[in-house]
Amino acid sequence: MPMTSLNISLPEVLKAYVEGQVASGDWGTPSEYVRELIRQDKERRMANLEQELLAAARGPKIEVSIAEIRKKGLITALRERVRTR
């Protein structure tokens, strides 16, 4: 996969922490460590979304208008409806 770069600024404490994680030998570079954290976050968010969708599917029928879906997006509209039940 082609790579690109993203520069981030960290407080010294976090920079030292990342460097310590790399020094532990689990990651070769700070970039590998950050990529792994991003992958884990993405997987966690997808799992949460899946659980929310399953819970919504098991719950009572929720009516969402096409206009509301277009205006807010399907996931946002469903989340709002589930919260207001």
N, C-alpha and C. Protein backbone atom coordinates (compact mmCIF):
# COMPACT_ATOMS: atom_id res chain seq x y z
N MET A 1 0.85 -1.17 0.00
CA MET A 1 0.00 0.00 0.00
C MET A 1 0.90 1.24 0.00
N PRO A 2 0.63 2.19 -0.88
CA PRO A 2 1.45 3.41 -0.89
C PRO A 2 1.30 4.17 0.43
N MET A 3 2.38 4.74 0.87
CA MET A 3 2.37 5.48 2.13
C MET A 3 2.44 6.98 1.84
N THR A 4 1.89 7.74 2.75
CA THR A 4 2.02 9.18 2.74
C THR A 4 2.38 9.58 4.17
N SER A 5 2.66 10.82 4.39
CA SER A 5 3.07 11.21 5.74
C SER A 5 2.05 12.15 6.36
N LEU A 6 2.06 12.15 7.68
CA LEU A 6 1.21 13.02 8.48
C LEU A 6 2.05 13.46 9.67
N ASN A 7 2.27 14.73 9.79
CA ASN A 7 3.06 15.24 10.91
C ASN A 7 2.14 15.58 12.07
N ILE A 8 2.51 15.12 13.26
CA ILE A 8 1.73 15.43 14.45
C ILE A 8 2.65 16.06 15.51
N SER A 9 2.07 16.84 16.36
CA SER A 9 2.81 17.43 17.47
C SER A 9 2.33 16.78 18.76
N LEU A 10 3.29 16.42 19.60
CA LEU A 10 2.97 15.78 20.87
C LEU A 10 3.67 16.52 22.00
N PRO A 11 3.06 16.55 23.16
CA PRO A 11 3.79 17.07 24.32
C PRO A 11 4.98 16.12 24.58
N GLU A 12 6.00 16.63 25.21
CA GLU A 12 7.20 15.84 25.46
C GLU A 12 6.88 14.54 26.19
N VAL A 13 5.95 14.57 27.12
CA VAL A 13 5.60 13.38 27.89
C VAL A 13 5.06 12.27 26.98
N LEU A 14 4.18 12.64 26.04
CA LEU A 14 3.64 11.64 25.12
C LEU A 14 4.70 11.16 24.14
N LYS A 15 5.55 12.05 23.69
CA LYS A 15 6.64 11.66 22.79
C LYS A 15 7.53 10.63 23.48
N ALA A 16 7.87 10.89 24.74
CA ALA A 16 8.70 9.95 25.49
C ALA A 16 7.99 8.61 25.66
N TYR A 17 6.68 8.65 25.86
CA TYR A 17 5.91 7.41 26.01
C TYR A 17 5.97 6.60 24.72
N VAL A 18 5.73 7.25 23.59
CA VAL A 18 5.77 6.56 22.29
C VAL A 18 7.17 5.97 22.07
N GLU A 19 8.19 6.75 22.34
CA GLU A 19 9.55 6.26 22.17
C GLU A 19 9.82 5.06 23.09
N GLY A 20 9.26 5.08 24.28
CA GLY A 20 9.39 3.95 25.20
C GLY A 20 8.70 2.71 24.67
N GLN A 21 7.54 2.90 24.06
CA GLN A 21 6.83 1.77 23.46
C GLN A 21 7.64 1.16 22.32
N VAL A 22 8.24 2.01 21.51
CA VAL A 22 9.07 1.53 20.40
C VAL A 22 10.30 0.80 20.97
N ALA A 23 10.90 1.36 22.01
CA ALA A 23 12.08 0.75 22.62
C ALA A 23 11.77 -0.61 23.23
N SER A 24 10.51 -0.87 23.58
CA SER A 24 10.13 -2.15 24.16
C SER A 24 10.29 -3.29 23.16
N GLY A 25 10.38 -2.93 21.88
CA GLY A 25 10.59 -3.94 20.85
C GLY A 25 9.35 -4.42 20.15
N ASP A 26 8.17 -3.97 20.61
CA ASP A 26 6.93 -4.41 19.97
C ASP A 26 6.69 -3.70 18.63
N TRP A 27 7.26 -2.53 18.46
CA TRP A 27 7.12 -1.77 17.23
C TRP A 27 8.50 -1.31 16.79
N GLY A 28 8.69 -1.22 15.49
CA GLY A 28 9.99 -0.82 14.96
C GLY A 28 10.19 0.67 14.93
N THR A 29 9.09 1.41 14.76
CA THR A 29 9.18 2.87 14.64
C THR A 29 7.96 3.50 15.29
N PRO A 30 8.05 4.79 15.61
CA PRO A 30 6.85 5.49 16.12
C PRO A 30 5.68 5.41 15.13
N SER A 31 5.97 5.44 13.83
CA SER A 31 4.90 5.35 12.83
C SER A 31 4.16 4.02 12.93
N GLU A 32 4.88 2.92 13.12
CA GLU A 32 4.23 1.62 13.27
C GLU A 32 3.32 1.62 14.50
N TYR A 33 3.79 2.21 15.58
CA TYR A 33 3.00 2.27 16.81
C TYR A 33 1.71 3.06 16.58
N VAL A 34 1.83 4.23 15.97
CA VAL A 34 0.65 5.07 15.73
C VAL A 34 -0.30 4.38 14.75
N ARG A 35 0.22 3.74 13.71
CA ARG A 35 -0.65 3.02 12.77
C ARG A 35 -1.45 1.94 13.49
N GLU A 36 -0.78 1.22 14.40
CA GLU A 36 -1.47 0.17 15.16
C GLU A 36 -2.57 0.76 16.03
N LEU A 37 -2.31 1.88 16.68
CA LEU A 37 -3.35 2.53 17.50
C LEU A 37 -4.53 2.95 16.64
N ILE A 38 -4.26 3.47 15.46
CA ILE A 38 -5.34 3.89 14.56
C ILE A 38 -6.15 2.68 14.11
N ARG A 39 -5.48 1.58 13.76
CA ARG A 39 -6.19 0.36 13.37
C ARG A 39 -7.08 -0.14 14.51
N GLN A 40 -6.55 -0.15 15.72
CA GLN A 40 -7.33 -0.61 16.87
C GLN A 40 -8.55 0.28 17.09
N ASP A 41 -8.37 1.59 16.96
CA ASP A 41 -9.47 2.53 17.13
C ASP A 41 -10.54 2.28 16.07
N LYS A 42 -10.10 2.08 14.83
CA LYS A 42 -11.04 1.82 13.73
C LYS A 42 -11.83 0.54 13.99
N GLU A 43 -11.14 -0.52 14.41
CA GLU A 43 -11.81 -1.79 14.71
C GLU A 43 -12.80 -1.63 15.86
N ARG A 44 -12.41 -0.89 16.91
CA ARG A 44 -13.28 -0.67 18.05
C ARG A 44 -14.54 0.09 17.63
N ARG A 45 -14.36 1.12 16.83
CA ARG A 45 -15.51 1.91 16.38
C ARG A 45 -16.45 1.09 15.51
N MET A 46 -15.88 0.26 14.64
CA MET A 46 -16.71 -0.60 13.79
C MET A 46 -17.48 -1.61 14.63
N ALA A 47 -16.82 -2.18 15.64
CA ALA A 47 -17.50 -3.13 16.53
C ALA A 47 -18.62 -2.44 17.29
N ASN A 48 -18.38 -1.22 17.77
CA ASN A 48 -19.43 -0.46 18.46
C ASN A 48 -20.60 -0.18 17.55
N LEU A 49 -20.31 0.20 16.32
CA LEU A 49 -21.37 0.47 15.35
C LEU A 49 -22.17 -0.79 15.07
N GLU A 50 -21.47 -1.90 14.92
CA GLU A 50 -22.15 -3.17 14.68
C GLU A 50 -23.08 -3.51 15.85
N GLN A 51 -22.61 -3.32 17.07
CA GLN A 51 -23.43 -3.60 18.24
C GLN A 51 -24.65 -2.67 18.30
N GLU A 52 -24.45 -1.40 17.96
CA GLU A 52 -25.58 -0.46 17.94
C GLU A 52 -26.61 -0.87 16.89
N LEU A 53 -26.14 -1.28 15.72
CA LEU A 53 -27.06 -1.69 14.66
C LEU A 53 -27.81 -2.96 15.05
N LEU A 54 -27.11 -3.92 15.67
CA LEU A 54 -27.77 -5.14 16.12
C LEU A 54 -28.82 -4.83 17.19
N ALA A 55 -28.48 -3.96 18.13
CA ALA A 55 -29.43 -3.58 19.17
C ALA A 55 -30.64 -2.89 18.56
N ALA A 56 -30.41 -2.04 17.58
CA ALA A 56 -31.53 -1.35 16.92
C ALA A 56 -32.40 -2.34 16.17
N ALA A 57 -31.77 -3.34 15.54
CA ALA A 57 -32.53 -4.33 14.78
C ALA A 57 -33.39 -5.19 15.70
N ARG A 58 -32.91 -5.43 16.91
CA ARG A 58 -33.67 -6.24 17.88
C ARG A 58 -34.77 -5.44 18.57
N GLY A 59 -34.63 -4.14 18.56
CA GLY A 59 -35.58 -3.29 19.28
C GLY A 59 -36.84 -3.05 18.48
N PRO A 60 -37.68 -2.18 19.02
CA PRO A 60 -38.93 -1.86 18.31
C PRO A 60 -38.64 -1.16 16.98
N LYS A 61 -39.60 -1.27 16.09
CA LYS A 61 -39.45 -0.68 14.77
C LYS A 61 -39.28 0.83 14.90
N ILE A 62 -38.31 1.37 14.19
CA ILE A 62 -38.03 2.81 14.22
C ILE A 62 -38.33 3.36 12.83
N GLU A 63 -39.22 4.31 12.78
CA GLU A 63 -39.57 4.95 11.51
C GLU A 63 -38.64 6.15 11.29
N VAL A 64 -37.93 6.15 10.19
CA VAL A 64 -37.06 7.27 9.83
C VAL A 64 -37.42 7.68 8.41
N SER A 65 -37.76 8.94 8.26
CA SER A 65 -38.17 9.42 6.94
C SER A 65 -36.97 9.55 6.01
N ILE A 66 -37.22 9.46 4.73
CA ILE A 66 -36.17 9.62 3.73
C ILE A 66 -35.55 11.01 3.85
N ALA A 67 -36.36 12.02 4.11
CA ALA A 67 -35.85 13.38 4.26
C ALA A 67 -34.87 13.46 5.43
N GLU A 68 -35.21 12.78 6.53
CA GLU A 68 -34.32 12.79 7.70
C GLU A 68 -33.02 12.07 7.39
N ILE A 69 -33.10 10.96 6.67
CA ILE A 69 -31.90 10.22 6.29
C ILE A 69 -31.01 11.10 5.41
N ARG A 70 -31.60 11.76 4.44
CA ARG A 70 -30.82 12.63 3.55
C ARG A 70 -30.21 13.80 4.31
N LYS A 71 -30.98 14.35 5.23
CA LYS A 71 -30.53 15.53 5.97
C LYS A 71 -29.42 15.19 6.95
N LYS A 72 -29.55 14.13 7.71
CA LYS A 72 -28.62 13.83 8.79
C LYS A 72 -27.71 12.64 8.52
N GLY A 73 -28.05 11.82 7.57
CA GLY A 73 -27.31 10.59 7.38
C GLY A 73 -28.00 9.48 8.17
N LEU A 74 -27.97 8.29 7.66
CA LEU A 74 -28.70 7.17 8.25
C LEU A 74 -28.27 6.87 9.67
N ILE A 75 -26.99 6.75 9.92
CA ILE A 75 -26.51 6.35 11.24
C ILE A 75 -26.87 7.41 12.28
N THR A 76 -26.65 8.68 11.95
CA THR A 76 -26.97 9.76 12.89
C THR A 76 -28.46 9.77 13.19
N ALA A 77 -29.28 9.62 12.16
CA ALA A 77 -30.72 9.63 12.34
C ALA A 77 -31.17 8.47 13.23
N LEU A 78 -30.63 7.28 12.99
CA LEU A 78 -31.00 6.12 13.81
C LEU A 78 -30.55 6.29 15.25
N ARG A 79 -29.34 6.78 15.44
CA ARG A 79 -28.85 6.99 16.81
C ARG A 79 -29.74 7.96 17.57
N GLU A 80 -30.16 9.03 16.92
CA GLU A 80 -31.02 10.01 17.58
C GLU A 80 -32.37 9.39 17.92
N ARG A 81 -32.91 8.60 17.02
CA ARG A 81 -34.20 7.96 17.28
C ARG A 81 -34.10 6.97 18.44
N VAL A 82 -33.01 6.20 18.48
CA VAL A 82 -32.83 5.23 19.56
C VAL A 82 -32.70 5.93 20.89
N ARG A 83 -31.96 7.05 20.94
CA ARG A 83 -31.77 7.80 22.17
C ARG A 83 -33.07 8.41 22.70
N THR A 84 -33.98 8.77 21.81
CA THR A 84 -35.21 9.45 22.24
C THR A 84 -36.32 8.48 22.58
N ARG A 85 -36.10 7.17 22.46
CA ARG A 85 -37.15 6.20 22.79
C ARG A 85 -37.39 6.17 24.26
